[in-house]
Amino acid sequence: TVVNRDKLLLSTTNAAMALCREMLRKLLTKLCPRLDAPSCSEFLVQLSSLLSPVFVTDSQFEDIKDAIQNITTLSQAKLAEVEEGLMESDATVLKDCLRSAKSFIDTSLKRFTAVSQGPVLEFVEGPLVTALRNGNWLLLDNINCAPGSVIERLNSLTEADPSLSLLEKEPGLVFKRSD
């Protein structure tokens, strides 16, 4: 599928907003209760100042990206203050949240850079891959009308030890019966 820059921007902005909400929820439920009252108040004021432009206005991805990066930096500092008092599971949840925020920003920026340089092809999983992933049946009606290359590719699914390799996606995927 060819990636449309406007659709990519819209979907990424929506995903970034959802990530902001999820980060906020985790920070408020896991980190704030472990902070002393003055530190918690200061943290909430700082969070509010970072998030108010994002949630109050019609934010663009750049604004949300900056907010996520600033929240991540602020949260890492606060997490370092209280890490000893946190349960291990809470610390892991918060660290995973901050790590996924950084990964999201890095991935989004790479995709925007690629799209801005011209048309980009992106692998989109179709019904066959979805059926393989979920272990569902799939009826291939009129498969005899498909191009020879498609039939050749699907032949591996009819063998004694069925498998399908998808190398179009990074990293490559291999579906086998044991999966």
C-alpha atoms as a PDB file:
ATOM      1  CA  THR A   1       0.000   0.000   0.000  1.00  0.00           C
ATOM      2  CA  VAL A   2       1.264   3.490  -0.769  1.00  0.00           C
ATOM      3  CA  VAL A   3       1.390   5.611   2.380  1.00  0.00           C
ATOM      4  CA  ASN A   4      -0.467   8.918   2.167  1.00  0.00           C
ATOM      5  CA  ARG A   5       1.294  11.655   4.163  1.00  0.00           C
ATOM      6  CA  ASP A   6      -1.941  13.276   5.407  1.00  0.00           C
ATOM      7  CA  LYS A   7      -3.429   9.957   6.551  1.00  0.00           C
ATOM      8  CA  LEU A   8      -0.150   9.019   8.210  1.00  0.00           C
ATOM      9  CA  LEU A   9      -0.066  12.351  10.022  1.00  0.00           C
ATOM     10  CA  LEU A  10      -3.674  11.989  11.189  1.00  0.00           C
ATOM     11  CA  SER A  11      -3.298   8.389  12.379  1.00  0.00           C
ATOM     12  CA  THR A  12       0.006   9.156  14.102  1.00  0.00           C
ATOM     13  CA  THR A  13      -1.451  12.233  15.800  1.00  0.00           C
ATOM     14  CA  ASN A  14      -4.385  10.149  17.076  1.00  0.00           C
ATOM     15  CA  ALA A  15      -2.007   7.441  18.299  1.00  0.00           C
ATOM     16  CA  ALA A  16       0.162  10.070  20.004  1.00  0.00           C
ATOM     17  CA  MET A  17      -2.889  11.496  21.799  1.00  0.00           C
ATOM     18  CA  ALA A  18      -3.813   8.000  22.994  1.00  0.00           C
ATOM     19  CA  LEU A  19      -0.231   7.478  24.160  1.00  0.00           C
ATOM     20  CA  CYS A  20      -0.365  10.790  26.086  1.00  0.00           C
ATOM     21  CA  ARG A  21      -3.560   9.687  27.834  1.00  0.00           C
ATOM     22  CA  GLU A  22      -2.084   6.275  28.675  1.00  0.00           C
ATOM     23  CA  MET A  23       1.139   7.822  30.005  1.00  0.00           C
ATOM     24  CA  LEU A  24      -0.866  10.250  32.120  1.00  0.00           C
ATOM     25  CA  ARG A  25      -3.007   7.440  33.531  1.00  0.00           C
ATOM     26  CA  LYS A  26       0.032   5.352  34.475  1.00  0.00           C
ATOM     27  CA  LEU A  27       1.900   8.299  35.959  1.00  0.00           C
ATOM     28  CA  LEU A  28      -1.083   9.338  38.067  1.00  0.00           C
ATOM     29  CA  THR A  29      -1.824   5.832  39.333  1.00  0.00           C
ATOM     30  CA  LYS A  30       1.695   4.456  39.795  1.00  0.00           C
ATOM     31  CA  LEU A  31       4.076   7.360  40.348  1.00  0.00           C
ATOM     32  CA  CYS A  32       2.126  10.165  42.063  1.00  0.00           C
ATOM     33  CA  PRO A  33       1.033   8.109  45.099  1.00  0.00           C
ATOM     34  CA  ARG A  34       4.723   7.406  45.859  1.00  0.00           C
ATOM     35  CA  LEU A  35       5.759  11.078  45.814  1.00  0.00           C
ATOM     36  CA  ASP A  36       5.593  13.242  48.919  1.00  0.00           C
ATOM     37  CA  ALA A  37       2.918  15.971  48.846  1.00  0.00           C
ATOM     38  CA  PRO A  38       5.092  18.927  47.733  1.00  0.00           C
ATOM     39  CA  SER A  39       6.878  16.855  45.107  1.00  0.00           C
ATOM     40  CA  CYS A  40       3.579  15.463  43.818  1.00  0.00           C
ATOM     41  CA  SER A  41       2.063  18.945  43.602  1.00  0.00           C
ATOM     42  CA  GLU A  42       5.091  20.218  41.691  1.00  0.00           C
ATOM     43  CA  PHE A  43       4.961  17.194  39.374  1.00  0.00           C
ATOM     44  CA  LEU A  44       1.244  17.705  38.672  1.00  0.00           C
ATOM     45  CA  VAL A  45       1.774  21.401  37.901  1.00  0.00           C
ATOM     46  CA  GLN A  46       4.587  20.535  35.508  1.00  0.00           C
ATOM     47  CA  LEU A  47       2.490  17.805  33.856  1.00  0.00           C
ATOM     48  CA  SER A  48      -0.406  20.212  33.535  1.00  0.00           C
ATOM     49  CA  SER A  49       1.742  22.843  31.862  1.00  0.00           C
ATOM     50  CA  LEU A  50       3.091  20.250  29.406  1.00  0.00           C
ATOM     51  CA  LEU A  51      -0.292  18.713  28.628  1.00  0.00           C
ATOM     52  CA  SER A  52      -2.623  21.704  28.558  1.00  0.00           C
ATOM     53  CA  PRO A  53      -1.523  22.861  25.082  1.00  0.00           C
ATOM     54  CA  VAL A  54      -1.995  19.311  23.809  1.00  0.00           C
ATOM     55  CA  PHE A  55      -5.475  18.648  25.186  1.00  0.00           C
ATOM     56  CA  VAL A  56      -6.915  22.169  25.104  1.00  0.00           C
ATOM     57  CA  THR A  57      -5.987  23.138  21.539  1.00  0.00           C
ATOM     58  CA  ASP A  58      -6.231  21.317  18.228  1.00  0.00           C
ATOM     59  CA  SER A  59      -2.720  19.915  18.505  1.00  0.00           C
ATOM     60  CA  GLN A  60      -0.444  18.948  15.689  1.00  0.00           C
ATOM     61  CA  PHE A  61       1.851  15.949  15.882  1.00  0.00           C
ATOM     62  CA  GLU A  62       4.913  18.127  16.543  1.00  0.00           C
ATOM     63  CA  ASP A  63       3.279  19.622  19.667  1.00  0.00           C
ATOM     64  CA  ILE A  64       2.270  16.209  20.959  1.00  0.00           C
ATOM     65  CA  LYS A  65       5.707  14.764  20.179  1.00  0.00           C
ATOM     66  CA  ASP A  66       7.374  17.559  22.152  1.00  0.00           C
ATOM     67  CA  ALA A  67       4.966  17.026  25.063  1.00  0.00           C
ATOM     68  CA  ILE A  68       5.649  13.275  25.121  1.00  0.00           C
ATOM     69  CA  GLN A  69       9.405  13.859  25.081  1.00  0.00           C
ATOM     70  CA  ASN A  70       9.173  16.438  27.888  1.00  0.00           C
ATOM     71  CA  ILE A  71       6.864  14.225  29.960  1.00  0.00           C
ATOM     72  CA  THR A  72       9.264  11.316  29.490  1.00  0.00           C
ATOM     73  CA  THR A  73      12.218  13.401  30.695  1.00  0.00           C
ATOM     74  CA  LEU A  74      10.270  14.779  33.664  1.00  0.00           C
ATOM     75  CA  SER A  75       8.919  11.328  34.591  1.00  0.00           C
ATOM     76  CA  GLN A  76      12.332   9.676  34.437  1.00  0.00           C
ATOM     77  CA  ALA A  77      13.645  12.255  36.914  1.00  0.00           C
ATOM     78  CA  LYS A  78      10.699  11.702  39.283  1.00  0.00           C
ATOM     79  CA  LEU A  79      10.943   7.931  38.886  1.00  0.00           C
ATOM     80  CA  ALA A  80      14.607   8.078  39.916  1.00  0.00           C
ATOM     81  CA  GLU A  81      13.562   9.913  43.114  1.00  0.00           C
ATOM     82  CA  VAL A  82      11.133   7.216  44.263  1.00  0.00           C
ATOM     83  CA  GLU A  83      12.360   4.053  42.552  1.00  0.00           C
ATOM     84  CA  GLU A  84      13.405   2.392  45.817  1.00  0.00           C
ATOM     85  CA  GLY A  85       9.911   2.874  47.276  1.00  0.00           C
ATOM     86  CA  LEU A  86       8.111   1.505  44.225  1.00  0.00           C
ATOM     87  CA  MET A  87       6.999  -2.069  43.940  1.00  0.00           C
ATOM     88  CA  GLU A  88       9.019  -3.811  41.251  1.00  0.00           C
ATOM     89  CA  SER A  89       5.940  -4.315  39.060  1.00  0.00           C
ATOM     90  CA  ASP A  90       5.044  -0.597  39.212  1.00  0.00           C
ATOM     91  CA  ALA A  91       8.595   0.417  38.335  1.00  0.00           C
ATOM     92  CA  THR A  92       8.570  -2.008  35.414  1.00  0.00           C
ATOM     93  CA  VAL A  93       5.212  -0.677  34.159  1.00  0.00           C
ATOM     94  CA  LEU A  94       6.466   2.912  34.297  1.00  0.00           C
ATOM     95  CA  LYS A  95       9.797   2.115  32.645  1.00  0.00           C
ATOM     96  CA  ASP A  96       8.027   0.165  29.891  1.00  0.00           C
ATOM     97  CA  CYS A  97       5.639   3.073  29.376  1.00  0.00           C
ATOM     98  CA  LEU A  98       8.507   5.555  29.029  1.00  0.00           C
ATOM     99  CA  ARG A  99      10.442   3.176  26.767  1.00  0.00           C
ATOM    100  CA  SER A 100       7.423   2.672  24.498  1.00  0.00           C
ATOM    101  CA  ALA A 101       6.914   6.449  24.324  1.00  0.00           C
ATOM    102  CA  LYS A 102      10.503   6.912  23.137  1.00  0.00           C
ATOM    103  CA  SER A 103      10.134   4.068  20.655  1.00  0.00           C
ATOM    104  CA  PHE A 104       6.874   5.539  19.335  1.00  0.00           C
ATOM    105  CA  ILE A 105       8.488   8.930  18.760  1.00  0.00           C
ATOM    106  CA  ASP A 106      11.543   7.404  17.056  1.00  0.00           C
ATOM    107  CA  THR A 107       9.421   5.199  14.783  1.00  0.00           C
ATOM    108  CA  SER A 108       7.054   8.045  13.916  1.00  0.00           C
ATOM    109  CA  LEU A 109       9.908  10.361  13.012  1.00  0.00           C
ATOM    110  CA  LYS A 110      11.475   7.700  10.755  1.00  0.00           C
ATOM    111  CA  ARG A 111       8.162   7.158   8.981  1.00  0.00           C
ATOM    112  CA  PHE A 112       7.615  10.911   8.493  1.00  0.00           C
ATOM    113  CA  THR A 113      11.129  11.305   7.133  1.00  0.00           C
ATOM    114  CA  ALA A 114      10.598   8.448   4.685  1.00  0.00           C
ATOM    115  CA  VAL A 115       7.210   9.771   3.524  1.00  0.00           C
ATOM    116  CA  SER A 116       8.528  13.309   3.052  1.00  0.00           C
ATOM    117  CA  GLN A 117      11.153  11.973   0.631  1.00  0.00           C
ATOM    118  CA  GLY A 118       8.526  10.573  -1.742  1.00  0.00           C
ATOM    119  CA  PRO A 119       6.046   7.712  -2.053  1.00  0.00           C
ATOM    120  CA  VAL A 120       6.545   4.904   0.438  1.00  0.00           C
ATOM    121  CA  LEU A 121       5.246   1.374   0.180  1.00  0.00           C
ATOM    122  CA  GLU A 122       4.064  -0.218   3.392  1.00  0.00           C
ATOM    123  CA  PHE A 123       3.164  -3.873   3.904  1.00  0.00           C
ATOM    124  CA  VAL A 124      -0.420  -4.263   5.116  1.00  0.00           C
ATOM    125  CA  GLU A 125      -1.566  -7.623   6.419  1.00  0.00           C
ATOM    126  CA  GLY A 126      -4.537  -8.958   4.500  1.00  0.00           C
ATOM    127  CA  PRO A 127      -7.103 -11.684   5.199  1.00  0.00           C
ATOM    128  CA  LEU A 128      -4.645 -14.551   4.583  1.00  0.00           C
ATOM    129  CA  VAL A 129      -2.102 -13.327   7.134  1.00  0.00           C
ATOM    130  CA  THR A 130      -4.865 -12.484   9.617  1.00  0.00           C
ATOM    131  CA  ALA A 131      -6.307 -15.997   9.263  1.00  0.00           C
ATOM    132  CA  LEU A 132      -2.860 -17.559   9.708  1.00  0.00           C
ATOM    133  CA  ARG A 133      -2.145 -15.407  12.750  1.00  0.00           C
ATOM    134  CA  ASN A 134      -5.508 -16.269  14.386  1.00  0.00           C
ATOM    135  CA  GLY A 135      -5.603 -19.925  13.323  1.00  0.00           C
ATOM    136  CA  ASN A 136      -8.791 -19.397  11.309  1.00  0.00           C
ATOM    137  CA  TRP A 137      -9.972 -21.029   8.124  1.00  0.00           C
ATOM    138  CA  LEU A 138      -9.857 -19.065   4.892  1.00  0.00           C
ATOM    139  CA  LEU A 139     -11.756 -19.925   1.728  1.00  0.00           C
ATOM    140  CA  LEU A 140      -9.779 -19.050  -1.395  1.00  0.00           C
ATOM    141  CA  ASP A 141     -12.588 -18.969  -3.960  1.00  0.00           C
ATOM    142  CA  ASN A 142     -11.479 -19.074  -7.619  1.00  0.00           C
ATOM    143  CA  ILE A 143      -7.839 -19.456  -6.617  1.00  0.00           C
ATOM    144  CA  ASN A 144      -7.253 -20.914 -10.070  1.00  0.00           C
ATOM    145  CA  CYS A 145      -7.701 -17.356 -11.459  1.00  0.00           C
ATOM    146  CA  ALA A 146      -4.839 -15.968  -9.364  1.00  0.00           C
ATOM    147  CA  PRO A 147      -1.482 -15.189 -10.976  1.00  0.00           C
ATOM    148  CA  GLY A 148       0.975 -18.077 -11.034  1.00  0.00           C
ATOM    149  CA  SER A 149       3.340 -16.287  -8.663  1.00  0.00           C
ATOM    150  CA  VAL A 150       0.603 -16.099  -6.008  1.00  0.00           C
ATOM    151  CA  ILE A 151      -0.252 -19.786  -6.343  1.00  0.00           C
ATOM    152  CA  GLU A 152       3.454 -20.668  -6.190  1.00  0.00           C
ATOM    153  CA  ARG A 153       3.786 -18.644  -2.985  1.00  0.00           C
ATOM    154  CA  LEU A 154       0.771 -20.381  -1.400  1.00  0.00           C
ATOM    155  CA  ASN A 155       1.947 -23.903  -2.320  1.00  0.00           C
ATOM    156  CA  SER A 156       4.036 -24.099   0.838  1.00  0.00           C
ATOM    157  CA  LEU A 157       0.789 -24.033   2.838  1.00  0.00           C
ATOM    158  CA  THR A 158      -0.366 -27.316   1.270  1.00  0.00           C
ATOM    159  CA  GLU A 159       2.768 -29.313   2.139  1.00  0.00           C
ATOM    160  CA  ALA A 160       3.066 -31.877   4.944  1.00  0.00           C
ATOM    161  CA  ASP A 161       4.734 -29.286   7.180  1.00  0.00           C
ATOM    162  CA  PRO A 162       2.887 -26.109   6.078  1.00  0.00           C
ATOM    163  CA  SER A 163       4.605 -22.737   6.371  1.00  0.00           C
ATOM    164  CA  LEU A 164       4.548 -19.296   4.803  1.00  0.00           C
ATOM    165  CA  SER A 165       7.456 -16.846   4.847  1.00  0.00           C
ATOM    166  CA  LEU A 166       6.681 -13.148   4.636  1.00  0.00           C
ATOM    167  CA  LEU A 167       9.867 -11.270   3.920  1.00  0.00           C
ATOM    168  CA  GLU A 168       8.098  -8.081   2.788  1.00  0.00           C
ATOM    169  CA  LYS A 169       7.812  -6.891   6.369  1.00  0.00           C
ATOM    170  CA  GLU A 170      10.699  -5.921   8.624  1.00  0.00           C
ATOM    171  CA  PRO A 171      11.580  -8.222  10.345  1.00  0.00           C
ATOM    172  CA  GLY A 172      10.502 -11.165   8.198  1.00  0.00           C
ATOM    173  CA  LEU A 173       7.777 -13.441   9.537  1.00  0.00           C
ATOM    174  CA  VAL A 174       7.434 -17.190   9.133  1.00  0.00           C
ATOM    175  CA  PHE A 175       4.109 -18.851   9.868  1.00  0.00           C
ATOM    176  CA  LYS A 176       4.210 -22.579  10.703  1.00  0.00           C
ATOM    177  CA  ARG A 177       1.637 -25.015  11.980  1.00  0.00           C
ATOM    178  CA  SER A 178       3.289 -25.073  15.420  1.00  0.00           C
ATOM    179  CA  ASP A 179       2.778 -21.273  15.726  1.00  0.00           C
END
